[in-house]
């Protein structure tokens, strides 16, 4: 498999994974199959679309190659059908989301590098590509996006670390290889899973003299303020 073939295959795999997480996130939302498919599509293609528009890369990936769209649709439909017969734990959704994050973040960085973008833009595109689709999914299903959740769980920071590793070693190597991308993807995935399993957290914002113990306490504090 050549480098470009690897990138294309990984991109399609990321679309399939995120489309599945989008469909599974519809659990309990009383959506019909069309709603589930729409949720899967925006989850799978939202980050890449925003990245391409920001980078002025035309046509947008799923318009230039409709296979992306078909993979998203078929993955969402498959998840819709299988979820009727297979009960899945919430950990499965988190696992798939971590996998999609690792794939999309580094592929977003790869595309920005290929377009000759500065390092800081490369890192930003990695984060946007990795988290934007999941944010859209969470907003549409009435959830607080993982990137904004109160508990300080590592999410965007995982994509950030992987992107930094990719940028640094892309300067050291004569040209990016699939091994570099696989290594960076693995770093993102491991950090995200460690956050979930081992409870790794970022430092939370604390006002001097007061520590918020729960989201309920935060809401009560807001109600008390004039």
N, C-alpha and C. Protein backbone atom coordinates (compact mmCIF):
# COMPACT_ATOMS: atom_id res chain seq x y z
N UNK A 1 0.84 -1.20 0.00
CA UNK A 1 0.00 0.00 0.00
C UNK A 1 0.87 1.24 0.00
N UNK A 2 0.64 2.15 -0.93
CA UNK A 2 1.40 3.38 -1.00
C UNK A 2 0.94 4.35 0.09
N UNK A 3 1.70 5.42 0.26
CA UNK A 3 1.37 6.42 1.28
C UNK A 3 0.01 7.05 1.01
N UNK A 4 -0.26 7.44 -0.23
CA UNK A 4 -1.54 8.07 -0.57
C UNK A 4 -2.70 7.10 -0.39
N UNK A 5 -2.48 5.83 -0.71
CA UNK A 5 -3.53 4.83 -0.51
C UNK A 5 -3.82 4.65 0.97
N UNK A 6 -2.79 4.70 1.79
CA UNK A 6 -2.97 4.59 3.24
C UNK A 6 -3.79 5.76 3.77
N UNK A 7 -3.45 6.97 3.34
CA UNK A 7 -4.18 8.16 3.78
C UNK A 7 -5.65 8.07 3.39
N UNK A 8 -5.91 7.64 2.16
CA UNK A 8 -7.29 7.53 1.68
C UNK A 8 -8.07 6.48 2.48
N UNK A 9 -7.46 5.33 2.71
CA UNK A 9 -8.11 4.26 3.47
C UNK A 9 -8.38 4.69 4.90
N UNK A 10 -7.42 5.37 5.52
CA UNK A 10 -7.60 5.83 6.89
C UNK A 10 -8.70 6.89 6.96
N UNK A 11 -8.77 7.75 5.96
CA UNK A 11 -9.81 8.77 5.91
C UNK A 11 -11.20 8.14 5.83
N UNK A 12 -11.35 7.14 4.98
CA UNK A 12 -12.63 6.44 4.86
C UNK A 12 -12.97 5.70 6.15
N UNK A 13 -11.96 5.12 6.79
CA UNK A 13 -12.19 4.44 8.06
C UNK A 13 -12.67 5.41 9.12
N UNK A 14 -12.08 6.60 9.14
CA UNK A 14 -12.52 7.63 10.09
C UNK A 14 -13.95 8.05 9.84
N UNK A 15 -14.33 8.17 8.58
CA UNK A 15 -15.71 8.52 8.23
C UNK A 15 -16.67 7.44 8.73
N UNK A 16 -16.31 6.17 8.50
CA UNK A 16 -17.16 5.06 8.94
C UNK A 16 -17.31 5.04 10.46
N UNK A 17 -16.21 5.26 11.17
CA UNK A 17 -16.24 5.22 12.64
C UNK A 17 -17.08 6.36 13.19
N UNK A 18 -16.85 7.59 12.71
CA UNK A 18 -17.59 8.72 13.24
C UNK A 18 -19.06 8.68 12.84
N UNK A 19 -19.37 8.17 11.65
CA UNK A 19 -20.77 8.00 11.25
C UNK A 19 -21.46 7.03 12.19
N UNK A 20 -20.75 5.99 12.60
CA UNK A 20 -21.31 5.02 13.54
C UNK A 20 -21.56 5.65 14.90
N UNK A 21 -20.61 6.45 15.39
CA UNK A 21 -20.82 7.10 16.68
C UNK A 21 -21.99 8.07 16.61
N UNK A 22 -22.14 8.74 15.47
CA UNK A 22 -23.27 9.64 15.30
C UNK A 22 -24.59 8.90 15.37
N UNK A 23 -24.64 7.74 14.71
CA UNK A 23 -25.87 6.94 14.73
C UNK A 23 -26.14 6.39 16.13
N UNK A 24 -25.11 5.89 16.80
CA UNK A 24 -25.30 5.32 18.13
C UNK A 24 -25.68 6.38 19.16
N UNK A 25 -25.26 7.62 18.93
CA UNK A 25 -25.60 8.70 19.85
C UNK A 25 -27.08 9.03 19.81
N UNK A 26 -27.80 8.51 18.81
CA UNK A 26 -29.24 8.76 18.70
C UNK A 26 -30.06 7.91 19.66
N UNK A 27 -29.40 7.04 20.42
CA UNK A 27 -30.11 6.15 21.34
C UNK A 27 -30.95 6.97 22.32
N UNK A 28 -32.22 6.62 22.41
CA UNK A 28 -33.12 7.29 23.35
C UNK A 28 -33.62 8.63 22.88
N UNK A 29 -33.27 9.07 21.66
CA UNK A 29 -33.68 10.38 21.16
C UNK A 29 -34.93 10.30 20.28
N UNK A 30 -35.44 9.08 20.07
CA UNK A 30 -36.65 8.85 19.29
C UNK A 30 -36.53 9.43 17.87
N UNK A 31 -35.43 9.14 17.24
CA UNK A 31 -35.20 9.57 15.85
C UNK A 31 -35.56 8.43 14.91
N UNK A 32 -36.08 8.77 13.73
CA UNK A 32 -36.30 7.75 12.71
C UNK A 32 -35.01 7.52 11.94
N UNK A 33 -35.04 6.63 10.95
CA UNK A 33 -33.82 6.26 10.25
C UNK A 33 -33.21 7.46 9.51
N UNK A 34 -34.07 8.36 8.99
CA UNK A 34 -33.54 9.54 8.30
C UNK A 34 -32.78 10.44 9.27
N UNK A 35 -33.34 10.63 10.46
CA UNK A 35 -32.66 11.44 11.47
C UNK A 35 -31.34 10.84 11.89
N UNK A 36 -31.30 9.51 12.01
CA UNK A 36 -30.07 8.83 12.39
C UNK A 36 -29.01 8.99 11.31
N UNK A 37 -29.42 8.85 10.05
CA UNK A 37 -28.47 8.99 8.94
C UNK A 37 -27.93 10.42 8.88
N UNK A 38 -28.80 11.40 9.04
CA UNK A 38 -28.35 12.80 9.04
C UNK A 38 -27.35 13.02 10.17
N UNK A 39 -27.64 12.48 11.34
CA UNK A 39 -26.73 12.61 12.48
C UNK A 39 -25.38 11.95 12.18
N UNK A 40 -25.42 10.79 11.54
CA UNK A 40 -24.19 10.11 11.18
C UNK A 40 -23.37 10.90 10.16
N UNK A 41 -24.05 11.49 9.18
CA UNK A 41 -23.35 12.25 8.14
C UNK A 41 -22.67 13.47 8.71
N UNK A 42 -23.39 14.26 9.51
CA UNK A 42 -22.79 15.49 10.04
C UNK A 42 -21.66 15.18 11.02
N UNK A 43 -21.78 14.05 11.73
CA UNK A 43 -20.70 13.67 12.63
C UNK A 43 -19.45 13.26 11.86
N UNK A 44 -19.66 12.50 10.78
CA UNK A 44 -18.53 11.98 10.01
C UNK A 44 -17.87 13.04 9.14
N UNK A 45 -18.67 13.94 8.59
CA UNK A 45 -18.14 14.86 7.58
C UNK A 45 -18.06 16.32 8.05
N UNK A 46 -18.61 16.60 9.22
CA UNK A 46 -18.63 17.99 9.70
C UNK A 46 -17.25 18.57 9.91
N UNK A 47 -16.36 17.82 10.57
CA UNK A 47 -15.02 18.33 10.85
C UNK A 47 -14.21 18.54 9.59
N UNK A 48 -14.26 17.56 8.67
CA UNK A 48 -13.51 17.68 7.41
C UNK A 48 -14.04 18.80 6.54
N UNK A 49 -15.37 19.00 6.56
CA UNK A 49 -15.96 20.08 5.77
C UNK A 49 -15.51 21.44 6.30
N UNK A 50 -15.56 21.60 7.62
CA UNK A 50 -15.12 22.87 8.22
C UNK A 50 -13.65 23.12 7.94
N UNK A 51 -12.85 22.06 8.01
CA UNK A 51 -11.41 22.19 7.71
C UNK A 51 -11.18 22.64 6.28
N UNK A 52 -11.85 22.00 5.32
CA UNK A 52 -11.65 22.33 3.91
C UNK A 52 -12.11 23.75 3.59
N UNK A 53 -13.21 24.17 4.19
CA UNK A 53 -13.69 25.53 3.96
C UNK A 53 -12.70 26.54 4.55
N UNK A 54 -12.19 26.24 5.74
CA UNK A 54 -11.23 27.13 6.39
C UNK A 54 -9.94 27.24 5.57
N UNK A 55 -9.49 26.11 5.03
CA UNK A 55 -8.25 26.09 4.26
C UNK A 55 -8.47 26.50 2.80
N UNK A 56 -9.73 26.79 2.44
CA UNK A 56 -10.07 27.14 1.06
C UNK A 56 -9.66 26.02 0.10
N UNK A 57 -9.85 24.78 0.56
CA UNK A 57 -9.52 23.60 -0.24
C UNK A 57 -10.79 23.14 -0.96
N UNK A 58 -10.86 23.38 -2.23
CA UNK A 58 -12.06 23.05 -3.00
C UNK A 58 -11.72 22.01 -4.08
N UNK A 59 -12.69 21.11 -4.40
CA UNK A 59 -13.98 20.98 -3.72
C UNK A 59 -13.84 20.35 -2.34
N UNK A 60 -14.85 20.56 -1.49
CA UNK A 60 -14.89 19.91 -0.19
C UNK A 60 -14.81 18.40 -0.38
N UNK A 61 -14.18 17.70 0.56
CA UNK A 61 -13.81 16.30 0.35
C UNK A 61 -14.95 15.42 -0.14
N UNK A 62 -16.15 15.54 0.45
CA UNK A 62 -17.24 14.63 0.07
C UNK A 62 -17.93 15.06 -1.22
N UNK A 63 -17.68 16.28 -1.66
CA UNK A 63 -18.18 16.70 -2.97
C UNK A 63 -17.23 16.25 -4.07
N UNK A 64 -15.93 16.33 -3.80
CA UNK A 64 -14.95 15.87 -4.77
C UNK A 64 -14.92 14.36 -4.91
N UNK A 65 -15.29 13.65 -3.86
CA UNK A 65 -15.31 12.19 -3.88
C UNK A 65 -16.54 11.73 -3.08
N UNK A 66 -17.60 11.36 -3.78
CA UNK A 66 -18.85 11.01 -3.11
C UNK A 66 -18.78 9.70 -2.34
N UNK A 67 -17.67 8.96 -2.47
CA UNK A 67 -17.52 7.73 -1.70
C UNK A 67 -17.54 8.04 -0.21
N UNK A 68 -17.02 9.20 0.19
CA UNK A 68 -17.06 9.60 1.59
C UNK A 68 -18.51 9.66 2.08
N UNK A 69 -19.37 10.27 1.26
CA UNK A 69 -20.77 10.41 1.63
C UNK A 69 -21.45 9.05 1.72
N UNK A 70 -21.16 8.18 0.76
CA UNK A 70 -21.77 6.86 0.76
C UNK A 70 -21.31 6.02 1.95
N UNK A 71 -20.04 6.13 2.30
CA UNK A 71 -19.53 5.40 3.47
C UNK A 71 -20.24 5.88 4.73
N UNK A 72 -20.43 7.20 4.86
CA UNK A 72 -21.12 7.74 6.03
C UNK A 72 -22.56 7.24 6.09
N UNK A 73 -23.25 7.27 4.95
CA UNK A 73 -24.65 6.83 4.92
C UNK A 73 -24.77 5.35 5.27
N UNK A 74 -23.97 4.52 4.62
CA UNK A 74 -24.05 3.08 4.84
C UNK A 74 -23.66 2.71 6.27
N UNK A 75 -22.66 3.39 6.83
CA UNK A 75 -22.25 3.11 8.21
C UNK A 75 -23.36 3.46 9.19
N UNK A 76 -24.03 4.59 8.96
CA UNK A 76 -25.13 5.01 9.84
C UNK A 76 -26.30 4.04 9.74
N UNK A 77 -26.63 3.62 8.52
CA UNK A 77 -27.73 2.67 8.32
C UNK A 77 -27.40 1.34 8.99
N UNK A 78 -26.16 0.87 8.85
CA UNK A 78 -25.76 -0.39 9.45
C UNK A 78 -25.86 -0.32 10.98
N UNK A 79 -25.42 0.80 11.54
CA UNK A 79 -25.52 0.97 12.99
C UNK A 79 -26.98 1.02 13.43
N UNK A 80 -27.83 1.66 12.62
CA UNK A 80 -29.26 1.73 12.92
C UNK A 80 -29.88 0.34 12.98
N UNK A 81 -29.52 -0.50 12.02
CA UNK A 81 -30.08 -1.84 11.94
C UNK A 81 -29.54 -2.73 13.07
N UNK A 82 -28.21 -2.74 13.24
CA UNK A 82 -27.60 -3.63 14.23
C UNK A 82 -27.99 -3.28 15.66
N UNK A 83 -28.19 -1.97 15.92
CA UNK A 83 -28.52 -1.57 17.29
C UNK A 83 -29.88 -2.10 17.73
N UNK A 84 -30.71 -2.54 16.78
CA UNK A 84 -32.00 -3.13 17.12
C UNK A 84 -31.85 -4.54 17.68
N UNK A 85 -30.70 -5.16 17.39
CA UNK A 85 -30.51 -6.55 17.79
C UNK A 85 -29.34 -6.74 18.75
N UNK A 86 -28.45 -5.75 18.80
CA UNK A 86 -27.26 -5.86 19.64
C UNK A 86 -27.25 -4.70 20.63
N UNK A 87 -27.19 -5.03 21.91
CA UNK A 87 -27.10 -4.01 22.93
C UNK A 87 -25.64 -3.64 23.15
N UNK A 88 -25.32 -2.39 23.01
CA UNK A 88 -23.92 -1.97 23.14
C UNK A 88 -23.75 -1.12 24.39
N UNK A 89 -22.62 -1.23 25.07
CA UNK A 89 -22.37 -0.40 26.25
C UNK A 89 -21.93 1.00 25.84
N UNK A 90 -22.08 1.96 26.76
CA UNK A 90 -21.65 3.32 26.48
C UNK A 90 -20.15 3.38 26.21
N UNK A 91 -19.39 2.47 26.81
CA UNK A 91 -17.94 2.44 26.60
C UNK A 91 -17.61 2.20 25.13
N UNK A 92 -18.47 1.49 24.43
CA UNK A 92 -18.23 1.23 23.01
C UNK A 92 -18.29 2.54 22.23
N UNK A 93 -19.26 3.40 22.57
CA UNK A 93 -19.36 4.69 21.91
C UNK A 93 -18.11 5.53 22.17
N UNK A 94 -17.62 5.50 23.43
CA UNK A 94 -16.42 6.26 23.77
C UNK A 94 -15.19 5.72 23.05
N UNK A 95 -15.12 4.37 22.93
CA UNK A 95 -14.01 3.75 22.23
C UNK A 95 -14.01 4.16 20.76
N UNK A 96 -15.16 4.07 20.10
CA UNK A 96 -15.25 4.44 18.69
C UNK A 96 -14.97 5.92 18.50
N UNK A 97 -15.44 6.73 19.43
CA UNK A 97 -15.19 8.17 19.34
C UNK A 97 -13.69 8.45 19.46
N UNK A 98 -13.00 7.74 20.35
CA UNK A 98 -11.55 7.91 20.49
C UNK A 98 -10.83 7.49 19.22
N UNK A 99 -11.30 6.41 18.61
CA UNK A 99 -10.69 5.94 17.36
C UNK A 99 -10.89 6.96 16.25
N UNK A 100 -12.12 7.48 16.13
CA UNK A 100 -12.38 8.49 15.12
C UNK A 100 -11.58 9.76 15.34
N UNK A 101 -11.45 10.16 16.60
CA UNK A 101 -10.66 11.34 16.93
C UNK A 101 -9.22 11.18 16.48
N UNK A 102 -8.63 10.01 16.76
CA UNK A 102 -7.23 9.78 16.41
C UNK A 102 -7.03 9.78 14.90
N UNK A 103 -7.94 9.17 14.16
CA UNK A 103 -7.83 9.13 12.70
C UNK A 103 -7.98 10.53 12.10
N UNK A 104 -9.04 11.22 12.48
CA UNK A 104 -9.34 12.50 11.85
C UNK A 104 -8.35 13.59 12.24
N UNK A 105 -7.89 13.59 13.48
CA UNK A 105 -6.97 14.64 13.91
C UNK A 105 -5.68 14.63 13.09
N UNK A 106 -5.09 13.46 12.95
CA UNK A 106 -3.82 13.37 12.23
C UNK A 106 -4.02 13.54 10.72
N UNK A 107 -5.12 13.05 10.20
CA UNK A 107 -5.38 13.26 8.77
C UNK A 107 -5.67 14.73 8.47
N UNK A 108 -6.27 15.42 9.43
CA UNK A 108 -6.45 16.86 9.27
C UNK A 108 -5.11 17.59 9.25
N UNK A 109 -4.20 17.15 10.12
CA UNK A 109 -2.86 17.73 10.12
C UNK A 109 -2.14 17.42 8.82
N UNK A 110 -2.29 16.20 8.34
CA UNK A 110 -1.63 15.79 7.09
C UNK A 110 -2.08 16.64 5.92
N UNK A 111 -3.37 16.93 5.85
CA UNK A 111 -3.87 17.73 4.73
C UNK A 111 -3.35 19.16 4.81
N UNK A 112 -3.28 19.71 6.01
CA UNK A 112 -2.77 21.06 6.17
C UNK A 112 -1.29 21.13 5.80
N UNK A 113 -0.52 20.10 6.17
CA UNK A 113 0.89 20.05 5.79
C UNK A 113 1.03 19.96 4.28
N UNK A 114 0.19 19.13 3.64
CA UNK A 114 0.25 18.97 2.19
C UNK A 114 -0.06 20.28 1.46
N UNK A 115 -0.85 21.16 2.10
CA UNK A 115 -1.19 22.44 1.50
C UNK A 115 -0.18 23.53 1.86
N UNK A 116 0.87 23.15 2.59
CA UNK A 116 1.94 24.10 2.91
C UNK A 116 1.59 25.09 4.01
N UNK A 117 0.71 24.72 4.93
CA UNK A 117 0.29 25.62 5.99
C UNK A 117 1.35 25.72 7.09
N UNK A 118 1.39 26.85 7.80
CA UNK A 118 2.31 26.99 8.94
C UNK A 118 1.98 25.98 10.04
N UNK A 119 2.95 25.71 10.89
CA UNK A 119 2.78 24.68 11.91
C UNK A 119 1.58 24.94 12.81
N UNK A 120 1.39 26.20 13.22
CA UNK A 120 0.28 26.49 14.13
C UNK A 120 -1.06 26.23 13.45
N UNK A 121 -1.15 26.47 12.16
CA UNK A 121 -2.38 26.18 11.43
C UNK A 121 -2.58 24.68 11.30
N UNK A 122 -1.48 23.96 11.09
CA UNK A 122 -1.56 22.49 11.01
C UNK A 122 -2.16 21.92 12.29
N UNK A 123 -1.67 22.40 13.43
CA UNK A 123 -2.18 21.91 14.72
C UNK A 123 -3.65 22.27 14.89
N UNK A 124 -4.02 23.50 14.52
CA UNK A 124 -5.41 23.92 14.65
C UNK A 124 -6.33 23.09 13.75
N UNK A 125 -5.87 22.80 12.54
CA UNK A 125 -6.69 21.99 11.63
C UNK A 125 -6.85 20.56 12.14
N UNK A 126 -5.83 20.06 12.82
CA UNK A 126 -5.93 18.72 13.42
C UNK A 126 -7.02 18.71 14.49
N UNK A 127 -7.02 19.71 15.34
CA UNK A 127 -8.01 19.78 16.41
C UNK A 127 -9.41 19.97 15.84
N UNK A 128 -9.55 20.88 14.88
CA UNK A 128 -10.86 21.14 14.28
C UNK A 128 -11.41 19.89 13.59
N UNK A 129 -10.56 19.24 12.81
CA UNK A 129 -11.00 18.04 12.09
C UNK A 129 -11.40 16.94 13.06
N UNK A 130 -10.67 16.83 14.18
CA UNK A 130 -10.94 15.77 15.13
C UNK A 130 -12.16 15.99 15.99
N UNK A 131 -12.45 17.24 16.36
CA UNK A 131 -13.50 17.46 17.36
C UNK A 131 -14.78 18.08 16.81
N UNK A 132 -14.73 18.74 15.65
CA UNK A 132 -15.91 19.48 15.18
C UNK A 132 -17.11 18.57 14.92
N UNK A 133 -16.86 17.42 14.28
CA UNK A 133 -17.96 16.51 14.00
C UNK A 133 -18.63 16.02 15.26
N UNK A 134 -17.82 15.66 16.26
CA UNK A 134 -18.37 15.21 17.54
C UNK A 134 -19.13 16.30 18.26
N UNK A 135 -18.65 17.55 18.15
CA UNK A 135 -19.36 18.67 18.75
C UNK A 135 -20.74 18.85 18.12
N UNK A 136 -20.80 18.76 16.79
CA UNK A 136 -22.09 18.89 16.10
C UNK A 136 -23.02 17.77 16.53
N UNK A 137 -22.49 16.55 16.62
CA UNK A 137 -23.28 15.40 17.08
C UNK A 137 -23.87 15.63 18.46
N UNK A 138 -23.04 16.09 19.39
CA UNK A 138 -23.51 16.29 20.76
C UNK A 138 -24.54 17.41 20.85
N UNK A 139 -24.32 18.48 20.10
CA UNK A 139 -25.27 19.60 20.12
C UNK A 139 -26.62 19.17 19.57
N UNK A 140 -26.62 18.43 18.46
CA UNK A 140 -27.87 17.99 17.85
C UNK A 140 -28.63 17.01 18.73
N UNK A 141 -27.92 16.26 19.57
CA UNK A 141 -28.59 15.30 20.45
C UNK A 141 -28.82 15.87 21.85
N UNK A 142 -28.57 17.17 22.01
CA UNK A 142 -28.86 17.82 23.28
C UNK A 142 -27.89 17.52 24.39
N UNK A 143 -26.64 17.17 24.02
CA UNK A 143 -25.62 16.87 25.01
C UNK A 143 -24.59 18.00 25.06
N UNK A 144 -23.94 18.14 26.22
CA UNK A 144 -22.81 19.06 26.30
C UNK A 144 -21.65 18.43 25.55
N UNK A 145 -21.07 19.11 24.54
CA UNK A 145 -19.95 18.53 23.79
C UNK A 145 -18.83 18.07 24.73
N UNK A 146 -18.21 16.94 24.38
CA UNK A 146 -17.15 16.39 25.22
C UNK A 146 -16.04 17.40 25.47
N UNK A 147 -15.77 18.23 24.45
CA UNK A 147 -14.68 19.20 24.57
C UNK A 147 -14.97 20.27 25.61
N UNK A 148 -16.26 20.45 25.96
CA UNK A 148 -16.66 21.50 26.90
C UNK A 148 -17.15 20.96 28.23
N UNK A 149 -17.11 19.66 28.43
CA UNK A 149 -17.70 19.10 29.64
C UNK A 149 -16.96 19.54 30.89
N UNK A 150 -17.71 19.71 31.94
CA UNK A 150 -17.23 20.30 33.19
C UNK A 150 -16.14 19.49 33.88
N UNK A 151 -16.14 18.17 33.66
CA UNK A 151 -15.25 17.31 34.45
C UNK A 151 -13.78 17.36 34.03
N UNK A 152 -13.42 18.21 33.06
CA UNK A 152 -12.02 18.37 32.70
C UNK A 152 -11.43 17.22 31.91
N UNK A 153 -12.28 16.36 31.36
CA UNK A 153 -11.81 15.18 30.63
C UNK A 153 -11.00 15.60 29.40
N UNK A 154 -9.89 14.92 29.18
CA UNK A 154 -9.04 15.24 28.04
C UNK A 154 -9.72 14.81 26.74
N UNK A 155 -9.81 15.73 25.79
CA UNK A 155 -10.41 15.41 24.50
C UNK A 155 -9.66 16.13 23.39
N UNK A 156 -9.90 17.42 23.27
CA UNK A 156 -9.18 18.19 22.26
C UNK A 156 -7.68 18.18 22.53
N UNK A 157 -7.30 18.13 23.80
CA UNK A 157 -5.87 18.11 24.15
C UNK A 157 -5.19 16.86 23.62
N UNK A 158 -5.93 15.76 23.47
CA UNK A 158 -5.34 14.53 22.91
C UNK A 158 -4.98 14.75 21.44
N UNK A 159 -5.90 15.38 20.71
CA UNK A 159 -5.63 15.71 19.30
C UNK A 159 -4.46 16.69 19.21
N UNK A 160 -4.40 17.62 20.15
CA UNK A 160 -3.33 18.62 20.16
C UNK A 160 -1.96 17.96 20.33
N UNK A 161 -1.86 17.03 21.27
CA UNK A 161 -0.58 16.34 21.52
C UNK A 161 -0.16 15.54 20.30
N UNK A 162 -1.08 14.77 19.73
CA UNK A 162 -0.76 13.99 18.54
C UNK A 162 -0.33 14.84 17.37
N UNK A 163 -1.02 15.98 17.19
CA UNK A 163 -0.68 16.89 16.09
C UNK A 163 0.71 17.49 16.29
N UNK A 164 1.05 17.83 17.53
CA UNK A 164 2.38 18.39 17.81
C UNK A 164 3.47 17.37 17.48
N UNK A 165 3.24 16.11 17.85
CA UNK A 165 4.21 15.05 17.53
C UNK A 165 4.35 14.92 16.02
N UNK A 166 3.23 14.95 15.32
CA UNK A 166 3.26 14.83 13.86
C UNK A 166 4.03 15.98 13.23
N UNK A 167 3.79 17.20 13.70
CA UNK A 167 4.45 18.38 13.13
C UNK A 167 5.96 18.32 13.37
N UNK A 168 6.34 17.99 14.60
CA UNK A 168 7.77 17.96 14.94
C UNK A 168 8.52 16.94 14.08
N UNK A 169 7.98 15.73 13.98
CA UNK A 169 8.69 14.68 13.26
C UNK A 169 8.56 14.82 11.74
N UNK A 170 7.54 15.55 11.28
CA UNK A 170 7.44 15.80 9.84
C UNK A 170 8.56 16.73 9.38
N UNK A 171 9.09 17.56 10.30
CA UNK A 171 10.23 18.41 9.96
C UNK A 171 11.54 17.61 10.01
N UNK A 172 11.59 16.63 10.89
CA UNK A 172 12.80 15.82 11.02
C UNK A 172 12.96 14.88 9.83
N UNK A 173 11.85 14.29 9.38
CA UNK A 173 11.88 13.33 8.29
C UNK A 173 11.86 14.06 6.95
N UNK A 174 12.38 13.42 5.94
CA UNK A 174 12.41 14.04 4.61
C UNK A 174 11.01 14.23 4.06
N UNK A 175 10.13 13.30 4.34
CA UNK A 175 8.73 13.42 3.96
C UNK A 175 7.88 12.54 4.87
N UNK A 176 6.62 12.94 5.12
CA UNK A 176 5.75 12.14 6.00
C UNK A 176 5.54 10.72 5.46
N UNK A 177 5.44 9.77 6.35
CA UNK A 177 5.18 8.39 5.97
C UNK A 177 3.98 7.87 6.76
N UNK A 178 3.47 6.74 6.32
CA UNK A 178 2.32 6.17 7.05
C UNK A 178 2.71 5.75 8.46
N UNK A 179 4.00 5.45 8.69
CA UNK A 179 4.43 5.07 10.03
C UNK A 179 4.38 6.27 10.97
N UNK A 180 4.72 7.43 10.47
CA UNK A 180 4.61 8.64 11.28
C UNK A 180 3.16 8.91 11.63
N UNK A 181 2.28 8.77 10.66
CA UNK A 181 0.87 9.03 10.91
C UNK A 181 0.28 7.98 11.85
N UNK A 182 0.66 6.72 11.67
CA UNK A 182 0.18 5.68 12.56
C UNK A 182 0.65 5.93 14.00
N UNK A 183 1.88 6.36 14.13
CA UNK A 183 2.42 6.64 15.47
C UNK A 183 1.67 7.79 16.12
N UNK A 184 1.44 8.86 15.36
CA UNK A 184 0.72 10.02 15.90
C UNK A 184 -0.72 9.65 16.24
N UNK A 185 -1.37 8.85 15.38
CA UNK A 185 -2.73 8.39 15.67
C UNK A 185 -2.77 7.57 16.94
N UNK A 186 -1.77 6.72 17.12
CA UNK A 186 -1.72 5.88 18.32
C UNK A 186 -1.59 6.73 19.57
N UNK A 187 -0.79 7.79 19.49
CA UNK A 187 -0.62 8.69 20.63
C UNK A 187 -1.95 9.34 21.00
N UNK A 188 -2.68 9.83 20.00
CA UNK A 188 -3.98 10.44 20.27
C UNK A 188 -4.92 9.43 20.91
N UNK A 189 -4.97 8.24 20.36
CA UNK A 189 -5.88 7.21 20.86
C UNK A 189 -5.53 6.80 22.29
N UNK A 190 -4.24 6.59 22.56
CA UNK A 190 -3.81 6.17 23.89
C UNK A 190 -4.12 7.25 24.93
N UNK A 191 -3.86 8.50 24.60
CA UNK A 191 -4.16 9.59 25.53
C UNK A 191 -5.65 9.67 25.81
N UNK A 192 -6.46 9.53 24.76
CA UNK A 192 -7.91 9.61 24.95
C UNK A 192 -8.42 8.44 25.79
N UNK A 193 -7.96 7.23 25.51
CA UNK A 193 -8.40 6.07 26.28
C UNK A 193 -7.91 6.15 27.73
N UNK A 194 -6.71 6.68 27.93
CA UNK A 194 -6.20 6.86 29.29
C UNK A 194 -7.07 7.85 30.06
N UNK A 195 -7.54 8.87 29.36
CA UNK A 195 -8.44 9.83 29.99
C UNK A 195 -9.73 9.16 30.44
N UNK A 196 -10.23 8.24 29.61
CA UNK A 196 -11.48 7.55 29.92
C UNK A 196 -11.28 6.49 31.01
N UNK A 197 -10.26 5.65 30.84
CA UNK A 197 -10.08 4.50 31.73
C UNK A 197 -9.38 4.89 33.03
N UNK A 198 -8.29 5.64 32.92
CA UNK A 198 -7.49 5.97 34.10
C UNK A 198 -7.90 7.28 34.75
N UNK A 199 -8.83 8.00 34.12
CA UNK A 199 -9.32 9.23 34.73
C UNK A 199 -8.36 10.40 34.64
N UNK A 200 -7.52 10.43 33.59
CA UNK A 200 -6.62 11.58 33.43
C UNK A 200 -7.45 12.82 33.16
N UNK A 201 -7.12 13.89 33.82
CA UNK A 201 -7.90 15.12 33.70
C UNK A 201 -6.98 16.32 33.52
N UNK A 202 -7.51 17.35 32.89
CA UNK A 202 -6.81 18.63 32.83
C UNK A 202 -7.13 19.43 34.09
N UNK A 203 -6.25 20.35 34.48
CA UNK A 203 -6.57 21.19 35.65
C UNK A 203 -7.84 21.98 35.38
N UNK A 204 -8.71 22.03 36.37
CA UNK A 204 -9.97 22.76 36.18
C UNK A 204 -9.84 24.19 36.70
N UNK A 205 -10.68 25.05 36.17
CA UNK A 205 -10.68 26.46 36.57
C UNK A 205 -11.33 26.59 37.95
N UNK A 206 -10.59 27.17 38.90
CA UNK A 206 -11.09 27.32 40.26
C UNK A 206 -10.93 28.78 40.67
N UNK A 207 -12.00 29.37 41.17
CA UNK A 207 -11.94 30.72 41.70
C UNK A 207 -11.34 30.68 43.10
N UNK A 208 -10.44 31.60 43.41
CA UNK A 208 -9.77 31.62 44.71
C UNK A 208 -10.79 31.59 45.85
N UNK A 209 -10.62 30.62 46.75
CA UNK A 209 -11.48 30.53 47.91
C UNK A 209 -12.75 29.71 47.69
N UNK A 210 -12.92 29.20 46.47
CA UNK A 210 -14.14 28.42 46.22
C UNK A 210 -13.84 27.37 45.18
N UNK A 211 -14.20 26.12 45.47
CA UNK A 211 -14.02 25.01 44.53
C UNK A 211 -15.39 24.42 44.22
N UNK A 212 -15.75 24.44 42.94
CA UNK A 212 -17.03 23.87 42.53
C UNK A 212 -16.93 22.36 42.57
N UNK A 213 -17.82 21.72 43.31
CA UNK A 213 -17.77 20.27 43.46
C UNK A 213 -18.60 19.53 42.42
N UNK A 214 -19.54 20.21 41.80
CA UNK A 214 -20.42 19.53 40.87
C UNK A 214 -21.07 20.55 39.96
N UNK A 215 -21.60 20.11 38.81
CA UNK A 215 -22.32 21.03 37.93
C UNK A 215 -23.53 21.64 38.63
N UNK A 216 -24.18 20.88 39.55
CA UNK A 216 -25.33 21.41 40.27
C UNK A 216 -24.93 22.58 41.15
N UNK A 217 -23.76 22.44 41.79
CA UNK A 217 -23.28 23.54 42.63
C UNK A 217 -22.98 24.77 41.80
N UNK A 218 -22.44 24.55 40.60
CA UNK A 218 -22.15 25.68 39.71
C UNK A 218 -23.43 26.40 39.34
N UNK A 219 -24.48 25.64 39.03
CA UNK A 219 -25.75 26.28 38.67
C UNK A 219 -26.36 27.02 39.86
N UNK A 220 -26.24 26.43 41.06
CA UNK A 220 -26.76 27.10 42.25
C UNK A 220 -26.03 28.40 42.51
N UNK A 221 -24.70 28.39 42.27
CA UNK A 221 -23.91 29.59 42.47
C UNK A 221 -24.34 30.69 41.51
N UNK A 222 -24.62 30.30 40.25
CA UNK A 222 -25.05 31.29 39.27
C UNK A 222 -26.39 31.90 39.65
N UNK A 223 -27.30 31.09 40.22
CA UNK A 223 -28.61 31.60 40.60
C UNK A 223 -28.53 32.58 41.75
N UNK A 224 -27.51 32.39 42.60
CA UNK A 224 -27.35 33.26 43.78
C UNK A 224 -26.76 34.60 43.41
N UNK A 225 -26.01 34.64 42.29
CA UNK A 225 -25.36 35.90 41.91
C UNK A 225 -26.39 36.90 41.42
N UNK A 226 -26.22 38.19 41.79
CA UNK A 226 -27.19 39.22 41.38
C UNK A 226 -27.09 39.49 39.89
